[in-house]
Amino acid sequence: IVDGTAGGGGHSREIARQAKRLIAIDQDP
């Protein structure tokens, strides 16, 4: 799964728990 707007990681953390692999992308340093 790709989270293209990972931000503060809200969605990303739950995706990481359930998916095989997560690519967390964000343009904001």
PDB file of all heavy atoms in Angstrom:
ATOM      1  N   ILE A   1       0.832  -1.194   0.000  1.00  0.00           N
ATOM      2  CA  ILE A   1       0.000   0.000   0.000  1.00  0.00           C
ATOM      3  C   ILE A   1       0.876   1.258   0.000  1.00  0.00           C
ATOM      4  O   ILE A   1       1.899   1.312   0.683  1.00  0.00           O
ATOM      5  CB  ILE A   1      -0.933   0.037   1.230  1.00  0.00           C
ATOM      6  CG1 ILE A   1      -1.756  -1.248   1.335  1.00  0.00           C
ATOM      7  CG2 ILE A   1      -1.823   1.276   1.205  1.00  0.00           C
ATOM      8  CD1 ILE A   1      -2.763  -1.460   0.224  1.00  0.00           C
ATOM      9  N   VAL A   2       0.427   2.265  -0.737  1.00  0.00           N
ATOM     10  CA  VAL A   2       1.077   3.570  -0.734  1.00  0.00           C
ATOM     11  C   VAL A   2       0.168   4.575  -0.047  1.00  0.00           C
ATOM     12  O   VAL A   2      -1.003   4.711  -0.421  1.00  0.00           O
ATOM     13  CB  VAL A   2       1.394   4.058  -2.165  1.00  0.00           C
ATOM     14  CG1 VAL A   2       1.926   5.496  -2.142  1.00  0.00           C
ATOM     15  CG2 VAL A   2       2.404   3.138  -2.838  1.00  0.00           C
ATOM     16  N   ASP A   3       0.703   5.253   0.962  1.00  0.00           N
ATOM     17  CA  ASP A   3       0.024   6.415   1.541  1.00  0.00           C
ATOM     18  C   ASP A   3       0.751   7.632   0.971  1.00  0.00           C
ATOM     19  O   ASP A   3       1.850   7.966   1.396  1.00  0.00           O
ATOM     20  CB  ASP A   3       0.110   6.389   3.071  1.00  0.00           C
ATOM     21  CG  ASP A   3      -0.684   7.518   3.725  1.00  0.00           C
ATOM     22  OD1 ASP A   3      -1.066   8.463   3.003  1.00  0.00           O
ATOM     23  OD2 ASP A   3      -0.900   7.469   4.950  1.00  0.00           O
ATOM     24  N   GLY A   4       0.120   8.274   0.001  1.00  0.00           N
ATOM     25  CA  GLY A   4       0.788   9.351  -0.730  1.00  0.00           C
ATOM     26  C   GLY A   4       0.832  10.669  -0.003  1.00  0.00           C
ATOM     27  O   GLY A   4       1.543  11.585  -0.418  1.00  0.00           O
ATOM     28  N   THR A   5       0.053  10.773   1.077  1.00  0.00           N
ATOM     29  CA  THR A   5       0.012  11.995   1.886  1.00  0.00           C
ATOM     30  C   THR A   5       0.111  11.585   3.350  1.00  0.00           C
ATOM     31  O   THR A   5      -0.818  11.799   4.134  1.00  0.00           O
ATOM     32  CB  THR A   5      -1.287  12.777   1.626  1.00  0.00           C
ATOM     33  OG1 THR A   5      -2.405  11.880   1.745  1.00  0.00           O
ATOM     34  CG2 THR A   5      -1.301  13.387   0.229  1.00  0.00           C
ATOM     35  N   ALA A   6       1.231  11.025   3.720  1.00  0.00           N
ATOM     36  CA  ALA A   6       1.355  10.364   5.022  1.00  0.00           C
ATOM     37  C   ALA A   6       1.234  11.324   6.204  1.00  0.00           C
ATOM     38  O   ALA A   6       0.772  10.939   7.281  1.00  0.00           O
ATOM     39  CB  ALA A   6       2.677   9.604   5.090  1.00  0.00           C
ATOM     40  N   GLY A   7       1.670  12.574   6.023  1.00  0.00           N
ATOM     41  CA  GLY A   7       1.482  13.591   7.058  1.00  0.00           C
ATOM     42  C   GLY A   7       2.002  13.183   8.409  1.00  0.00           C
ATOM     43  O   GLY A   7       3.160  12.808   8.569  1.00  0.00           O
ATOM     44  N   GLY A   8       1.126  13.231   9.423  1.00  0.00           N
ATOM     45  CA  GLY A   8       1.518  12.866  10.782  1.00  0.00           C
ATOM     46  C   GLY A   8       1.455  11.381  11.055  1.00  0.00           C
ATOM     47  O   GLY A   8       1.698  10.946  12.179  1.00  0.00           O
ATOM     48  N   GLY A   9       1.132  10.589  10.058  1.00  0.00           N
ATOM     49  CA  GLY A   9       1.174   9.139  10.200  1.00  0.00           C
ATOM     50  C   GLY A   9      -0.096   8.504  10.730  1.00  0.00           C
ATOM     51  O   GLY A   9      -0.104   7.314  11.051  1.00  0.00           O
ATOM     52  N   GLY A  10      -1.197   9.257  10.795  1.00  0.00           N
ATOM     53  CA  GLY A  10      -2.448   8.713  11.319  1.00  0.00           C
ATOM     54  C   GLY A  10      -2.923   7.491  10.566  1.00  0.00           C
ATOM     55  O   GLY A  10      -3.072   6.403  11.146  1.00  0.00           O
ATOM     56  N   HIS A  11      -3.160   7.640   9.273  1.00  0.00           N
ATOM     57  CA  HIS A  11      -3.555   6.494   8.458  1.00  0.00           C
ATOM     58  C   HIS A  11      -2.399   5.497   8.322  1.00  0.00           C
ATOM     59  O   HIS A  11      -2.607   4.281   8.338  1.00  0.00           O
ATOM     60  CB  HIS A  11      -3.984   6.947   7.060  1.00  0.00           C
ATOM     61  CG  HIS A  11      -5.266   7.716   7.028  1.00  0.00           C
ATOM     62  ND1 HIS A  11      -5.340   9.023   6.625  1.00  0.00           N
ATOM     63  CD2 HIS A  11      -6.537   7.346   7.335  1.00  0.00           C
ATOM     64  CE1 HIS A  11      -6.599   9.429   6.678  1.00  0.00           C
ATOM     65  NE2 HIS A  11      -7.345   8.439   7.117  1.00  0.00           N
ATOM     66  N   SER A  12      -1.193   6.011   8.177  1.00  0.00           N
ATOM     67  CA  SER A  12      -0.039   5.154   7.891  1.00  0.00           C
ATOM     68  C   SER A  12       0.206   4.111   8.974  1.00  0.00           C
ATOM     69  O   SER A  12       0.535   2.953   8.673  1.00  0.00           O
ATOM     70  CB  SER A  12       1.223   6.008   7.714  1.00  0.00           C
ATOM     71  OG  SER A  12       1.216   6.678   6.476  1.00  0.00           O
ATOM     72  N   ARG A  13       0.078   4.499  10.237  1.00  0.00           N
ATOM     73  CA  ARG A  13       0.331   3.540  11.326  1.00  0.00           C
ATOM     74  C   ARG A  13      -0.610   2.347  11.234  1.00  0.00           C
ATOM     75  O   ARG A  13      -0.187   1.190  11.391  1.00  0.00           O
ATOM     76  CB  ARG A  13       0.177   4.218  12.690  1.00  0.00           C
ATOM     77  CG  ARG A  13       1.359   5.075  13.100  1.00  0.00           C
ATOM     78  CD  ARG A  13       1.182   5.613  14.517  1.00  0.00           C
ATOM     79  NE  ARG A  13       1.115   4.548  15.490  1.00  0.00           N
ATOM     80  CZ  ARG A  13       2.171   3.954  16.037  1.00  0.00           C
ATOM     81  NH1 ARG A  13       3.398   4.332  15.679  1.00  0.00           N
ATOM     82  NH2 ARG A  13       2.030   2.984  16.911  1.00  0.00           N
ATOM     83  N   GLU A  14      -1.877   2.602  10.972  1.00  0.00           N
ATOM     84  CA  GLU A  14      -2.832   1.503  10.898  1.00  0.00           C
ATOM     85  C   GLU A  14      -2.600   0.652   9.658  1.00  0.00           C
ATOM     86  O   GLU A  14      -2.735  -0.578   9.693  1.00  0.00           O
ATOM     87  CB  GLU A  14      -4.258   2.046  10.915  1.00  0.00           C
ATOM     88  CG  GLU A  14      -5.323   0.979  11.059  1.00  0.00           C
ATOM     89  CD  GLU A  14      -5.149   0.127  12.324  1.00  0.00           C
ATOM     90  OE1 GLU A  14      -4.718   0.673  13.371  1.00  0.00           O
ATOM     91  OE2 GLU A  14      -5.451  -1.084  12.251  1.00  0.00           O
ATOM     92  N   ILE A  15      -2.246   1.293   8.544  1.00  0.00           N
ATOM     93  CA  ILE A  15      -1.927   0.531   7.332  1.00  0.00           C
ATOM     94  C   ILE A  15      -0.725  -0.370   7.578  1.00  0.00           C
ATOM     95  O   ILE A  15      -0.722  -1.553   7.194  1.00  0.00           O
ATOM     96  CB  ILE A  15      -1.663   1.483   6.148  1.00  0.00           C
ATOM     97  CG1 ILE A  15      -2.933   2.254   5.781  1.00  0.00           C
ATOM     98  CG2 ILE A  15      -1.156   0.702   4.933  1.00  0.00           C
ATOM     99  CD1 ILE A  15      -2.705   3.391   4.799  1.00  0.00           C
ATOM    100  N   ALA A  16       0.301   0.170   8.231  1.00  0.00           N
ATOM    101  CA  ALA A  16       1.510  -0.614   8.507  1.00  0.00           C
ATOM    102  C   ALA A  16       1.206  -1.836   9.367  1.00  0.00           C
ATOM    103  O   ALA A  16       1.826  -2.897   9.205  1.00  0.00           O
ATOM    104  CB  ALA A  16       2.555   0.269   9.193  1.00  0.00           C
ATOM    105  N   ARG A  17       0.238  -1.706  10.267  1.00  0.00           N
ATOM    106  CA  ARG A  17      -0.124  -2.832  11.129  1.00  0.00           C
ATOM    107  C   ARG A  17      -0.789  -3.960  10.341  1.00  0.00           C
ATOM    108  O   ARG A  17      -0.674  -5.131  10.713  1.00  0.00           O
ATOM    109  CB  ARG A  17      -1.091  -2.363  12.228  1.00  0.00           C
ATOM    110  CG  ARG A  17      -0.465  -1.477  13.287  1.00  0.00           C
ATOM    111  CD  ARG A  17      -1.447  -1.277  14.451  1.00  0.00           C
ATOM    112  NE  ARG A  17      -0.913  -0.360  15.448  1.00  0.00           N
ATOM    113  CZ  ARG A  17      -1.270   0.906  15.584  1.00  0.00           C
ATOM    114  NH1 ARG A  17      -2.194   1.413  14.770  1.00  0.00           N
ATOM    115  NH2 ARG A  17      -0.738   1.671  16.511  1.00  0.00           N
ATOM    116  N   GLN A  18      -1.494  -3.610   9.278  1.00  0.00           N
ATOM    117  CA  GLN A  18      -2.314  -4.610   8.594  1.00  0.00           C
ATOM    118  C   GLN A  18      -1.762  -5.077   7.253  1.00  0.00           C
ATOM    119  O   GLN A  18      -2.165  -6.140   6.762  1.00  0.00           O
ATOM    120  CB  GLN A  18      -3.721  -4.044   8.370  1.00  0.00           C
ATOM    121  CG  GLN A  18      -4.479  -3.728   9.653  1.00  0.00           C
ATOM    122  CD  GLN A  18      -5.934  -3.378   9.368  1.00  0.00           C
ATOM    123  OE1 GLN A  18      -6.597  -4.017   8.542  1.00  0.00           O
ATOM    124  NE2 GLN A  18      -6.444  -2.350  10.036  1.00  0.00           N
ATOM    125  N   ALA A  19      -0.890  -4.301   6.626  1.00  0.00           N
ATOM    126  CA  ALA A  19      -0.416  -4.614   5.267  1.00  0.00           C
ATOM    127  C   ALA A  19       0.947  -5.292   5.291  1.00  0.00           C
ATOM    128  O   ALA A  19       1.682  -5.263   6.287  1.00  0.00           O
ATOM    129  CB  ALA A  19      -0.353  -3.335   4.444  1.00  0.00           C
ATOM    130  N   LYS A  20       1.283  -5.879   4.163  1.00  0.00           N
ATOM    131  CA  LYS A  20       2.608  -6.489   4.010  1.00  0.00           C
ATOM    132  C   LYS A  20       3.691  -5.421   3.991  1.00  0.00           C
ATOM    133  O   LYS A  20       4.740  -5.557   4.627  1.00  0.00           O
ATOM    134  CB  LYS A  20       2.649  -7.298   2.705  1.00  0.00           C
ATOM    135  CG  LYS A  20       4.011  -7.888   2.379  1.00  0.00           C
ATOM    136  CD  LYS A  20       3.976  -8.612   1.037  1.00  0.00           C
ATOM    137  CE  LYS A  20       5.359  -9.169   0.680  1.00  0.00           C
ATOM    138  NZ  LYS A  20       5.328  -9.862  -0.635  1.00  0.00           N
ATOM    139  N   ARG A  21       3.413  -4.330   3.265  1.00  0.00           N
ATOM    140  CA  ARG A  21       4.410  -3.269   3.110  1.00  0.00           C
ATOM    141  C   ARG A  21       3.705  -1.941   2.888  1.00  0.00           C
ATOM    142  O   ARG A  21       2.685  -1.879   2.194  1.00  0.00           O
ATOM    143  CB  ARG A  21       5.334  -3.581   1.928  1.00  0.00           C
ATOM    144  CG  ARG A  21       6.526  -2.645   1.771  1.00  0.00           C
ATOM    145  CD  ARG A  21       7.442  -3.149   0.672  1.00  0.00           C
ATOM    146  NE  ARG A  21       8.621  -2.288   0.494  1.00  0.00           N
ATOM    147  CZ  ARG A  21       9.550  -2.470  -0.428  1.00  0.00           C
ATOM    148  NH1 ARG A  21       9.465  -3.499  -1.262  1.00  0.00           N
ATOM    149  NH2 ARG A  21      10.582  -1.647  -0.537  1.00  0.00           N
ATOM    150  N   LEU A  22       4.249  -0.889   3.475  1.00  0.00           N
ATOM    151  CA  LEU A  22       3.714   0.461   3.306  1.00  0.00           C
ATOM    152  C   LEU A  22       4.798   1.380   2.782  1.00  0.00           C
ATOM    153  O   LEU A  22       5.917   1.401   3.297  1.00  0.00           O
ATOM    154  CB  LEU A  22       3.198   1.012   4.645  1.00  0.00           C
ATOM    155  CG  LEU A  22       2.933   2.521   4.701  1.00  0.00           C
ATOM    156  CD1 LEU A  22       1.733   2.890   3.829  1.00  0.00           C
ATOM    157  CD2 LEU A  22       2.729   2.991   6.132  1.00  0.00           C
ATOM    158  N   ILE A  23       4.456   2.147   1.752  1.00  0.00           N
ATOM    159  CA  ILE A  23       5.320   3.229   1.283  1.00  0.00           C
ATOM    160  C   ILE A  23       4.643   4.525   1.708  1.00  0.00           C
ATOM    161  O   ILE A  23       3.565   4.866   1.208  1.00  0.00           O
ATOM    162  CB  ILE A  23       5.539   3.192  -0.246  1.00  0.00           C
ATOM    163  CG1 ILE A  23       6.244   1.896  -0.651  1.00  0.00           C
ATOM    164  CG2 ILE A  23       6.380   4.385  -0.688  1.00  0.00           C
ATOM    165  CD1 ILE A  23       5.308   0.757  -0.945  1.00  0.00           C
ATOM    166  N   ALA A  24       5.241   5.218   2.667  1.00  0.00           N
ATOM    167  CA  ALA A  24       4.679   6.455   3.225  1.00  0.00           C
ATOM    168  C   ALA A  24       5.383   7.647   2.594  1.00  0.00           C
ATOM    169  O   ALA A  24       6.575   7.864   2.822  1.00  0.00           O
ATOM    170  CB  ALA A  24       4.840   6.475   4.740  1.00  0.00           C
ATOM    171  N   ILE A  25       4.637   8.418   1.802  1.00  0.00           N
ATOM    172  CA  ILE A  25       5.210   9.536   1.043  1.00  0.00           C
ATOM    173  C   ILE A  25       4.681  10.857   1.593  1.00  0.00           C
ATOM    174  O   ILE A  25       3.497  10.985   1.894  1.00  0.00           O
ATOM    175  CB  ILE A  25       4.821   9.433  -0.447  1.00  0.00           C
ATOM    176  CG1 ILE A  25       5.275   8.094  -1.044  1.00  0.00           C
ATOM    177  CG2 ILE A  25       5.419  10.599  -1.249  1.00  0.00           C
ATOM    178  CD1 ILE A  25       4.696   7.826  -2.432  1.00  0.00           C
ATOM    179  N   ASP A  26       5.542  11.845   1.695  1.00  0.00           N
ATOM    180  CA  ASP A  26       5.099  13.208   1.976  1.00  0.00           C
ATOM    181  C   ASP A  26       6.144  14.188   1.459  1.00  0.00           C
ATOM    182  O   ASP A  26       7.343  13.902   1.500  1.00  0.00           O
ATOM    183  CB  ASP A  26       4.856  13.442   3.463  1.00  0.00           C
ATOM    184  CG  ASP A  26       3.799  14.528   3.693  1.00  0.00           C
ATOM    185  OD1 ASP A  26       4.123  15.723   3.516  1.00  0.00           O
ATOM    186  OD2 ASP A  26       2.661  14.182   4.027  1.00  0.00           O
ATOM    187  N   GLN A  27       5.669  15.348   0.965  1.00  0.00           N
ATOM    188  CA  GLN A  27       6.589  16.356   0.446  1.00  0.00           C
ATOM    189  C   GLN A  27       7.032  17.348   1.514  1.00  0.00           C
ATOM    190  O   GLN A  27       7.949  18.130   1.292  1.00  0.00           O
ATOM    191  CB  GLN A  27       5.949  17.112  -0.711  1.00  0.00           C
ATOM    192  CG  GLN A  27       4.683  17.891  -0.350  1.00  0.00           C
ATOM    193  CD  GLN A  27       4.105  18.655  -1.521  1.00  0.00           C
ATOM    194  OE1 GLN A  27       4.836  19.195  -2.345  1.00  0.00           O
ATOM    195  NE2 GLN A  27       2.786  18.690  -1.631  1.00  0.00           N
ATOM    196  N   ASP A  28       6.364  17.326   2.668  1.00  0.00           N
ATOM    197  CA  ASP A  28       6.657  18.272   3.739  1.00  0.00           C
ATOM    198  C   ASP A  28       7.793  17.727   4.608  1.00  0.00           C
ATOM    199  O   ASP A  28       7.645  16.674   5.232  1.00  0.00           O
ATOM    200  CB  ASP A  28       5.397  18.479   4.589  1.00  0.00           C
ATOM    201  CG  ASP A  28       5.545  19.590   5.616  1.00  0.00           C
ATOM    202  OD1 ASP A  28       6.688  19.858   6.040  1.00  0.00           O
ATOM    203  OD2 ASP A  28       4.526  20.186   6.004  1.00  0.00           O
ATOM    204  N   PRO A  29       8.930  18.427   4.684  1.00  0.00           N
ATOM    205  CA  PRO A  29      10.047  17.927   5.499  1.00  0.00           C
ATOM    206  C   PRO A  29       9.705  17.798   6.977  1.00  0.00           C
ATOM    207  O   PRO A  29      10.241  16.924   7.667  1.00  0.00           O
ATOM    208  CB  PRO A  29      11.155  18.969   5.274  1.00  0.00           C
ATOM    209  CG  PRO A  29      10.463  20.183   4.737  1.00  0.00           C
ATOM    210  CD  PRO A  29       9.270  19.686   3.991  1.00  0.00           C
TER     211      PRO A  29
END
